[in-house]
Protein backbone atom coordinates (compact mmCIF):
# COMPACT_ATOMS: atom_id res chain seq x y z
CA UNK A 1 -0.07 -0.10 0.09
CA UNK A 2 1.45 3.34 -1.04
CA UNK A 3 2.06 5.70 1.67
CA UNK A 4 1.07 9.23 0.39
CA UNK A 5 2.74 12.37 1.16
CA UNK A 6 -0.53 13.95 1.38
CA UNK A 7 -4.03 12.65 1.17
CA UNK A 8 -7.55 14.10 1.11
CA UNK A 9 -11.03 12.99 1.27
CA UNK A 10 -14.00 15.50 0.85
CA UNK A 11 -17.53 14.47 0.60
CA UNK A 12 -20.35 17.16 0.58
CA UNK A 13 -24.33 16.81 0.65
CA UNK A 14 -27.29 18.98 0.21
CA UNK A 15 -29.71 19.63 3.04
CA UNK A 16 -32.26 22.25 3.54
CA UNK A 17 -31.27 24.30 0.74
CA UNK A 18 -27.71 24.22 1.46
CA UNK A 19 -24.43 22.03 0.61
CA UNK A 20 -22.68 20.85 3.84
CA UNK A 21 -19.67 18.84 4.50
CA UNK A 22 -20.50 15.06 5.08
CA UNK A 23 -16.94 13.79 5.67
CA UNK A 24 -13.75 15.56 5.61
CA UNK A 25 -10.32 13.51 6.24
CA UNK A 26 -6.66 14.71 5.30
CA UNK A 27 -3.37 13.85 6.38
CA UNK A 28 0.24 14.89 5.71
CA UNK A 29 1.27 17.63 3.32
CA UNK A 30 -2.43 18.20 2.13
CA UNK A 31 -5.20 20.19 4.09
CA UNK A 32 -8.25 21.96 3.54
CA UNK A 33 -9.51 25.08 5.17
CA UNK A 34 -13.05 25.25 6.83
CA UNK A 35 -16.03 25.75 4.46
CA UNK A 36 -16.85 29.03 3.08
CA UNK A 37 -20.16 30.49 1.69
CA UNK A 38 -19.11 33.35 -0.96
CA UNK A 39 -22.88 33.91 -1.64
CA UNK A 40 -26.36 33.13 -0.71
CA UNK A 41 -26.90 30.47 -3.11
CA UNK A 42 -26.14 27.78 -0.59
CA UNK A 43 -22.84 26.73 -2.53
CA UNK A 44 -19.85 25.48 -0.51
CA UNK A 45 -16.30 26.79 -1.17
CA UNK A 46 -13.25 24.97 0.01
CA UNK A 47 -9.63 26.20 -0.33
CA UNK A 48 -6.96 23.37 -0.55
CA UNK A 49 -3.51 24.11 1.11
CA UNK A 50 0.05 22.35 0.79
CA UNK A 51 1.45 23.40 3.92
CA UNK A 52 5.01 22.19 2.72
CA UNK A 53 5.06 25.32 0.28
CA UNK A 54 5.77 23.16 -2.91
CA UNK A 55 6.28 19.90 -4.38
CA UNK A 56 9.65 17.97 -4.37
CA UNK A 57 11.57 14.78 -5.61
CA UNK A 58 9.17 11.57 -4.90
CA UNK A 59 6.13 13.41 -3.44
CA UNK A 60 2.65 11.70 -4.07
CA UNK A 61 -0.68 12.98 -3.48
CA UNK A 62 -4.04 11.55 -3.59
CA UNK A 63 -7.26 13.43 -3.46
CA UNK A 64 -10.91 12.03 -3.70
CA UNK A 65 -13.99 14.34 -3.87
CA UNK A 66 -17.66 13.34 -3.77
CA UNK A 67 -20.57 15.66 -4.14
CA UNK A 68 -24.01 14.09 -3.43
CA UNK A 69 -27.28 14.63 -5.25
CA UNK A 70 -27.68 18.38 -5.88
CA UNK A 71 -24.65 19.31 -3.80
CA UNK A 72 -22.72 22.28 -5.28
CA UNK A 73 -19.06 22.72 -4.46
CA UNK A 74 -16.41 25.29 -5.53
CA UNK A 75 -12.92 24.06 -5.06
CA UNK A 76 -9.86 25.95 -5.35
CA UNK A 77 -6.39 26.41 -3.85
CA UNK A 78 -4.77 28.88 -1.49
CA UNK A 79 -1.70 29.56 -3.83
CA UNK A 80 0.01 28.21 -6.77
CA UNK A 81 1.43 24.41 -7.04
CA UNK A 82 5.15 24.95 -7.23
CA UNK A 83 7.05 22.06 -8.55
CA UNK A 84 10.64 21.89 -7.58
CA UNK A 85 13.69 19.77 -8.79
CA UNK A 86 12.90 16.29 -8.92
CA UNK A 87 16.04 14.52 -9.97
CA UNK A 88 15.14 10.95 -9.26
CA UNK A 89 11.28 10.41 -9.02
CA UNK A 90 8.39 12.50 -10.57
CA UNK A 91 6.00 14.15 -8.26
CA UNK A 92 2.70 12.22 -8.61
CA UNK A 93 -0.73 13.45 -7.98
CA UNK A 94 -4.11 11.41 -8.36
CA UNK A 95 -7.35 12.70 -8.13
CA UNK A 96 -10.83 11.23 -8.06
CA UNK A 97 -14.23 13.22 -8.33
CA UNK A 98 -17.47 11.65 -8.16
CA UNK A 99 -20.50 13.64 -9.11
CA UNK A 100 -23.98 12.38 -8.51
CA UNK A 101 -27.02 13.44 -9.98
CA UNK A 102 -27.73 17.28 -10.35
CA UNK A 103 -24.47 18.02 -8.57
CA UNK A 104 -22.05 20.74 -9.56
CA UNK A 105 -18.35 20.86 -9.18
CA UNK A 106 -16.07 23.71 -10.10
CA UNK A 107 -12.42 23.11 -9.79
CA UNK A 108 -10.67 26.37 -10.48
CA UNK A 109 -7.04 25.96 -8.70
CA UNK A 110 -4.12 28.27 -9.03
CA UNK A 111 -1.48 27.61 -11.52
CA UNK A 112 0.88 24.80 -11.59
CA UNK A 113 4.49 26.34 -11.78
CA UNK A 114 7.23 24.04 -12.99
CA UNK A 115 10.55 25.06 -11.87
CA UNK A 116 14.04 23.87 -13.38
CA UNK A 117 14.42 19.99 -13.59
CA UNK A 118 10.71 19.59 -12.26
CA UNK A 119 8.93 16.44 -13.33
CA UNK A 120 5.37 16.15 -12.40
CA UNK A 121 2.52 13.69 -13.55
CA UNK A 122 -1.22 14.08 -12.70
CA UNK A 123 -4.36 11.78 -13.21
CA UNK A 124 -7.78 12.99 -12.70
CA UNK A 125 -10.70 10.57 -12.97
CA UNK A 126 -14.07 12.00 -13.05
CA UNK A 127 -17.27 9.86 -12.65
CA UNK A 128 -20.45 11.78 -13.38
CA UNK A 129 -24.03 10.96 -13.28
CA UNK A 130 -26.68 12.36 -15.79
CA UNK A 131 -27.77 16.08 -14.80
CA UNK A 132 -24.44 16.75 -13.02
CA UNK A 133 -21.96 19.58 -14.26
CA UNK A 134 -18.09 19.74 -13.91
CA UNK A 135 -16.35 22.88 -14.66
CA UNK A 136 -12.37 22.05 -14.56
CA UNK A 137 -9.61 24.44 -15.16
CA UNK A 138 -5.78 24.19 -15.03
CA UNK A 139 -2.98 26.62 -15.96
CA UNK A 140 0.74 25.50 -16.45
CA UNK A 141 3.57 28.19 -15.72
CA UNK A 142 7.39 28.07 -16.36
CA UNK A 143 9.10 28.70 -13.33
CA UNK A 144 12.18 30.90 -12.49
CA UNK A 145 15.60 29.32 -13.40
CA UNK A 146 19.18 30.44 -12.81
CA UNK A 147 20.09 30.76 -16.33
CA UNK A 148 16.96 32.70 -17.17
CA UNK A 149 15.32 30.13 -19.60
CA UNK A 150 11.79 29.75 -19.66
CA UNK A 151 11.31 26.15 -20.19
CA UNK A 152 13.57 24.56 -17.64
CA UNK A 153 11.10 21.95 -16.29
CA UNK A 154 11.74 18.39 -17.59
CA UNK A 155 8.11 17.24 -17.77
CA UNK A 156 4.64 18.29 -16.80
CA UNK A 157 1.95 15.85 -17.66
CA UNK A 158 -1.68 15.88 -17.16
CA UNK A 159 -4.32 13.22 -17.87
CA UNK A 160 -8.04 13.49 -17.83
CA UNK A 161 -10.64 10.71 -17.92
CA UNK A 162 -14.20 11.65 -17.65
CA UNK A 163 -17.05 9.11 -17.36
CA UNK A 164 -20.71 9.75 -17.44
CA UNK A 165 -22.83 7.16 -16.59
CA UNK A 166 -19.90 4.89 -16.43
CA UNK A 167 -19.09 5.53 -20.03
CA UNK A 168 -15.68 7.11 -21.10
CA UNK A 169 -16.64 10.33 -22.76
CA UNK A 170 -13.51 12.65 -22.48
CA UNK A 171 -9.90 11.64 -22.47
CA UNK A 172 -7.40 14.48 -22.55
CA UNK A 173 -3.82 13.88 -22.47
CA UNK A 174 -1.41 16.92 -22.14
CA UNK A 175 2.50 16.38 -21.83
CA UNK A 176 5.23 19.06 -22.16
CA UNK A 177 8.78 17.96 -22.21
CA UNK A 178 10.81 20.76 -23.46
CA UNK A 179 14.18 18.79 -23.66
CA UNK A 180 12.70 16.52 -26.21
CA UNK A 181 10.03 18.65 -28.12
CA UNK A 182 10.53 21.55 -30.07
CA UNK A 183 8.45 23.48 -27.25
CA UNK A 184 7.79 26.68 -29.29
CA UNK A 185 6.68 24.75 -32.33
CA UNK A 186 3.14 25.11 -33.83
CA UNK A 187 0.98 22.47 -32.10
CA UNK A 188 2.65 23.13 -28.91
CA UNK A 189 3.45 26.55 -27.13
CA UNK A 190 3.87 28.34 -30.43
CA UNK A 191 5.99 30.93 -29.02
CA UNK A 192 3.96 31.49 -26.00
CA UNK A 193 5.11 30.33 -22.42
CA UNK A 194 1.70 29.83 -20.44
CA UNK A 195 -1.01 27.10 -21.17
CA UNK A 196 -4.64 26.93 -19.94
CA UNK A 197 -7.11 24.14 -20.21
CA UNK A 198 -10.66 24.20 -19.24
CA UNK A 199 -13.14 21.26 -19.55
CA UNK A 200 -17.05 21.86 -19.08
CA UNK A 201 -19.27 18.84 -19.28
CA UNK A 202 -23.11 19.49 -18.48
CA UNK A 203 -26.48 18.64 -19.76
CA UNK A 204 -26.97 22.63 -19.71
CA UNK A 205 -24.96 23.04 -22.73
CA UNK A 206 -26.87 23.95 -25.93
CA UNK A 207 -25.68 24.26 -29.43
CA UNK A 208 -25.58 28.16 -29.32
CA UNK A 209 -23.56 28.43 -26.27
CA UNK A 210 -20.12 28.19 -27.87
CA UNK A 211 -20.85 31.41 -30.02
CA UNK A 212 -22.25 32.96 -26.78
CA UNK A 213 -18.68 32.66 -25.40
CA UNK A 214 -16.83 34.02 -28.39
CA UNK A 215 -19.34 37.03 -27.96
CA UNK A 216 -18.44 37.19 -24.16
CA UNK A 217 -14.69 36.96 -25.00
CA UNK A 218 -14.77 39.48 -27.68
CA UNK A 219 -12.33 40.53 -29.95
CA UNK A 220 -8.80 38.72 -29.64
CA UNK A 221 -5.28 40.13 -29.93
CA UNK A 222 -1.75 38.79 -30.28
CA UNK A 223 -1.57 38.72 -26.48
CA UNK A 224 -2.87 35.45 -26.63
CA UNK A 225 -4.94 32.62 -28.48
CA UNK A 226 -7.64 30.70 -27.42
CA UNK A 227 -9.78 27.77 -29.03
CA UNK A 228 -12.96 26.29 -28.16
CA UNK A 229 -14.05 22.71 -29.01
CA UNK A 230 -17.47 21.15 -28.52
CA UNK A 231 -17.48 17.81 -27.07
CA UNK A 232 -19.43 14.82 -28.49
CA UNK A 233 -21.66 14.72 -25.10
CA UNK A 234 -23.12 18.06 -23.73
CA UNK A 235 -19.99 20.36 -23.03
CA UNK A 236 -16.84 21.83 -24.53
CA UNK A 237 -13.43 22.31 -23.96
CA UNK A 238 -10.95 25.38 -24.06
CA UNK A 239 -7.27 25.73 -24.80
CA UNK A 240 -5.37 29.17 -24.43
CA UNK A 241 -1.75 30.03 -25.14
CA UNK A 242 -0.43 33.31 -23.49
CA UNK A 243 2.61 35.06 -21.93
CA UNK A 244 1.36 35.33 -18.57
CA UNK A 245 -1.04 33.52 -15.71
CA UNK A 246 -2.96 36.98 -15.49
CA UNK A 247 -4.20 37.20 -19.07
CA UNK A 248 -5.35 33.28 -18.95
CA UNK A 249 -7.25 33.92 -15.81
CA UNK A 250 -8.87 36.86 -17.34
CA UNK A 251 -10.47 35.22 -20.08
CA UNK A 252 -11.30 31.91 -18.04
CA UNK A 253 -12.79 34.14 -15.62
CA UNK A 254 -15.03 35.44 -18.40
CA UNK A 255 -15.92 32.15 -19.58
CA UNK A 256 -16.80 30.84 -16.05
CA UNK A 257 -18.66 34.19 -15.02
CA UNK A 258 -21.00 33.60 -18.30
CA UNK A 259 -21.52 29.73 -17.12
CA UNK A 260 -22.70 30.84 -13.72
CA UNK A 261 -24.78 33.31 -14.64
CA UNK A 262 -26.36 31.71 -17.58
CA UNK A 263 -26.80 28.10 -16.37
CA UNK A 264 -27.11 28.78 -12.32
CA UNK A 265 -28.01 32.33 -12.10
CA UNK A 266 -25.33 32.99 -9.81
CA UNK A 267 -22.87 35.84 -9.38
CA UNK A 268 -19.26 35.99 -10.33
CA UNK A 269 -16.85 34.93 -7.89
CA UNK A 270 -13.14 36.42 -7.81
CA UNK A 271 -10.86 33.57 -6.26
CA UNK A 272 -7.38 34.55 -6.83
CA UNK A 273 -5.38 35.75 -3.84
CA UNK A 274 -3.54 38.40 -5.22
């Protein structure tokens, strides 16, 4: 049995018009703050914390999140995830999400920063029931290096598997290895430095919603590139390239805000801590 550097289990349930904690357990270098309610909708918000300040060689993390029927959970982090040198064993993070019928999970973490010689592998598995909604984001950022090079990390690898009623409907595999790839080439970073991804799956998706999102984003400029693709199930994915975390966060916030307003009649939330 693997001994995890940090482990977290979080289950929430819906009672009397409000989402409340059902089961909370954490140990090691993984913690969660007390629940917050950012508005009067009854949705609960949790902030994840890594008290160690960053990930180092051989660290392993595991998180399991369960949203019961009609529960609404917004999950974010207290700060960016910093991956430092991993000369021998890559950092491993495994996350499982279970979304019951008519539940909502918004997973909006701060960026993942890969410093010099960092190696990081993340696997997310999402099990959804019909009627549930998933909003998932991640941002990959190059960290500082003594030589001043932008892509000094060894590998950042993220896998997402999404199952809807036990059927695999989304498989997204992203791997950046600057030492073995032409990292600035077309199809990779295209001379940008930061990469953002968003995955949204929901029965509330309509065929006209993609056009609404482009209208929300407005005219684009050379500061970033963004593409939105509709999934074969109700939902869409977003990929964005930019030269700063803030640019990606700004555009993702516009999309996130539009979803909250149109699908859930909720106000926008500002989650960043700076």
